[in-house]
């Protein structure tokens, strides 16, 4: 039976876990549901500017 090396880490997964943690913290600090704009802000998502602008 082959053992998995616990030191192997997937940076992408670690980033996702960190973002999830940030959302949990923001949600628990808020008395209301987070709006999409608030979620975007926590995740660092910036709306794309329109091609017409």
N, C-alpha and C. Protein backbone atom coordinates (compact mmCIF):
# COMPACT_ATOMS: atom_id res chain seq x y z
N UNK A 1 0.84 -1.18 0.00
CA UNK A 1 0.00 0.00 0.00
C UNK A 1 0.89 1.24 0.00
N UNK A 2 0.55 2.19 -0.83
CA UNK A 2 1.35 3.40 -1.00
C UNK A 2 0.82 4.52 -0.12
N UNK A 3 1.70 5.16 0.63
CA UNK A 3 1.29 6.27 1.49
C UNK A 3 1.39 7.58 0.72
N UNK A 4 0.49 8.50 1.04
CA UNK A 4 0.52 9.82 0.44
C UNK A 4 1.42 10.73 1.27
N UNK A 5 2.26 11.49 0.61
CA UNK A 5 3.13 12.43 1.29
C UNK A 5 2.31 13.63 1.74
N UNK A 6 2.18 13.82 3.05
CA UNK A 6 1.37 14.90 3.60
C UNK A 6 1.98 16.27 3.30
N UNK A 7 3.24 16.31 2.90
CA UNK A 7 3.88 17.59 2.61
C UNK A 7 3.51 18.13 1.24
N UNK A 8 2.93 17.29 0.40
CA UNK A 8 2.54 17.73 -0.93
C UNK A 8 1.33 18.65 -0.79
N UNK A 9 1.42 19.83 -1.37
CA UNK A 9 0.34 20.79 -1.26
C UNK A 9 -0.04 21.28 -2.65
N UNK A 10 -1.30 21.54 -2.82
CA UNK A 10 -1.82 22.08 -4.07
C UNK A 10 -2.11 23.57 -3.84
N UNK A 11 -1.29 24.45 -4.40
CA UNK A 11 -1.48 25.89 -4.16
C UNK A 11 -2.87 26.39 -4.55
N UNK A 12 -3.44 25.85 -5.61
CA UNK A 12 -4.77 26.27 -6.05
C UNK A 12 -5.82 25.93 -4.99
N UNK A 13 -5.73 24.75 -4.45
CA UNK A 13 -6.68 24.34 -3.42
C UNK A 13 -6.49 25.18 -2.16
N UNK A 14 -5.25 25.44 -1.80
CA UNK A 14 -5.00 26.28 -0.62
C UNK A 14 -5.57 27.69 -0.81
N UNK A 15 -5.46 28.23 -2.01
CA UNK A 15 -6.05 29.55 -2.30
C UNK A 15 -7.57 29.51 -2.16
N UNK A 16 -8.19 28.45 -2.66
CA UNK A 16 -9.65 28.32 -2.56
C UNK A 16 -10.09 28.21 -1.10
N UNK A 17 -9.33 27.46 -0.31
CA UNK A 17 -9.66 27.33 1.11
C UNK A 17 -9.55 28.68 1.80
N UNK A 18 -8.53 29.44 1.46
CA UNK A 18 -8.36 30.77 2.06
C UNK A 18 -9.53 31.69 1.69
N UNK A 19 -9.95 31.66 0.42
CA UNK A 19 -11.09 32.49 0.00
C UNK A 19 -12.36 32.07 0.72
N UNK A 20 -12.56 30.77 0.86
CA UNK A 20 -13.74 30.26 1.57
C UNK A 20 -13.72 30.75 3.01
N UNK A 21 -12.56 30.71 3.64
CA UNK A 21 -12.42 31.19 5.00
C UNK A 21 -12.77 32.67 5.12
N UNK A 22 -12.31 33.45 4.14
CA UNK A 22 -12.63 34.88 4.14
C UNK A 22 -14.14 35.11 4.04
N UNK A 23 -14.80 34.30 3.21
CA UNK A 23 -16.26 34.43 3.09
C UNK A 23 -16.96 34.05 4.39
N UNK A 24 -16.49 33.01 5.04
CA UNK A 24 -17.09 32.59 6.32
C UNK A 24 -16.93 33.69 7.36
N UNK A 25 -15.75 34.28 7.42
CA UNK A 25 -15.51 35.36 8.38
C UNK A 25 -16.41 36.56 8.09
N UNK A 26 -16.51 36.95 6.82
CA UNK A 26 -17.35 38.09 6.45
C UNK A 26 -18.82 37.80 6.76
N UNK A 27 -19.27 36.60 6.47
CA UNK A 27 -20.67 36.24 6.70
C UNK A 27 -20.98 36.20 8.20
N UNK A 28 -20.06 35.70 8.99
CA UNK A 28 -20.31 35.61 10.42
C UNK A 28 -20.25 36.99 11.09
N UNK A 29 -19.55 37.93 10.48
CA UNK A 29 -19.46 39.28 11.04
C UNK A 29 -20.66 40.14 10.64
N UNK A 30 -21.40 39.69 9.65
CA UNK A 30 -22.53 40.46 9.15
C UNK A 30 -23.83 40.00 9.82
N UNK A 31 -24.70 40.94 10.10
CA UNK A 31 -26.00 40.60 10.69
C UNK A 31 -27.01 40.20 9.62
N UNK A 32 -26.71 40.52 8.36
CA UNK A 32 -27.60 40.20 7.26
C UNK A 32 -26.85 39.33 6.25
N UNK A 33 -27.61 38.82 5.30
CA UNK A 33 -26.97 38.08 4.20
C UNK A 33 -26.06 39.02 3.43
N UNK A 34 -24.95 38.48 2.96
CA UNK A 34 -24.04 39.29 2.15
C UNK A 34 -24.64 39.50 0.77
N UNK A 35 -24.54 40.71 0.28
CA UNK A 35 -25.00 40.99 -1.08
C UNK A 35 -23.94 40.47 -2.05
N UNK A 36 -24.31 40.37 -3.31
CA UNK A 36 -23.35 39.91 -4.32
C UNK A 36 -22.15 40.86 -4.37
N UNK A 37 -22.41 42.16 -4.22
CA UNK A 37 -21.32 43.15 -4.23
C UNK A 37 -20.36 42.93 -3.06
N UNK A 38 -20.91 42.60 -1.89
CA UNK A 38 -20.07 42.33 -0.73
C UNK A 38 -19.25 41.06 -0.92
N UNK A 39 -19.86 40.04 -1.48
CA UNK A 39 -19.15 38.79 -1.76
C UNK A 39 -18.03 39.05 -2.75
N UNK A 40 -18.33 39.80 -3.80
CA UNK A 40 -17.30 40.14 -4.79
C UNK A 40 -16.14 40.88 -4.15
N UNK A 41 -16.47 41.79 -3.24
CA UNK A 41 -15.42 42.56 -2.56
C UNK A 41 -14.53 41.65 -1.71
N UNK A 42 -15.14 40.73 -0.97
CA UNK A 42 -14.37 39.79 -0.14
C UNK A 42 -13.46 38.93 -1.01
N UNK A 43 -13.99 38.49 -2.15
CA UNK A 43 -13.22 37.61 -3.04
C UNK A 43 -12.24 38.37 -3.93
N UNK A 44 -12.35 39.69 -3.93
CA UNK A 44 -11.44 40.49 -4.76
C UNK A 44 -11.82 40.48 -6.22
N UNK A 45 -13.12 40.26 -6.48
CA UNK A 45 -13.62 40.25 -7.85
C UNK A 45 -14.02 41.67 -8.23
N UNK A 46 -13.59 42.09 -9.39
CA UNK A 46 -13.93 43.42 -9.87
C UNK A 46 -14.74 43.27 -11.15
N UNK A 47 -15.91 43.90 -11.19
CA UNK A 47 -16.73 43.79 -12.40
C UNK A 47 -15.96 44.28 -13.63
N UNK A 48 -16.11 43.56 -14.70
CA UNK A 48 -15.45 43.97 -15.94
C UNK A 48 -16.10 45.24 -16.46
N UNK A 49 -15.29 46.11 -17.01
CA UNK A 49 -15.86 47.32 -17.60
C UNK A 49 -16.48 46.96 -18.93
N UNK A 50 -17.50 47.64 -19.26
CA UNK A 50 -18.21 47.40 -20.51
C UNK A 50 -17.31 47.73 -21.69
N UNK A 51 -17.46 46.99 -22.76
CA UNK A 51 -16.68 47.25 -23.98
C UNK A 51 -17.07 48.59 -24.59
N UNK A 52 -18.27 49.09 -24.22
CA UNK A 52 -18.73 50.39 -24.76
C UNK A 52 -18.07 51.55 -24.07
N UNK A 53 -17.52 51.37 -22.86
CA UNK A 53 -16.92 52.48 -22.11
C UNK A 53 -15.59 52.89 -22.66
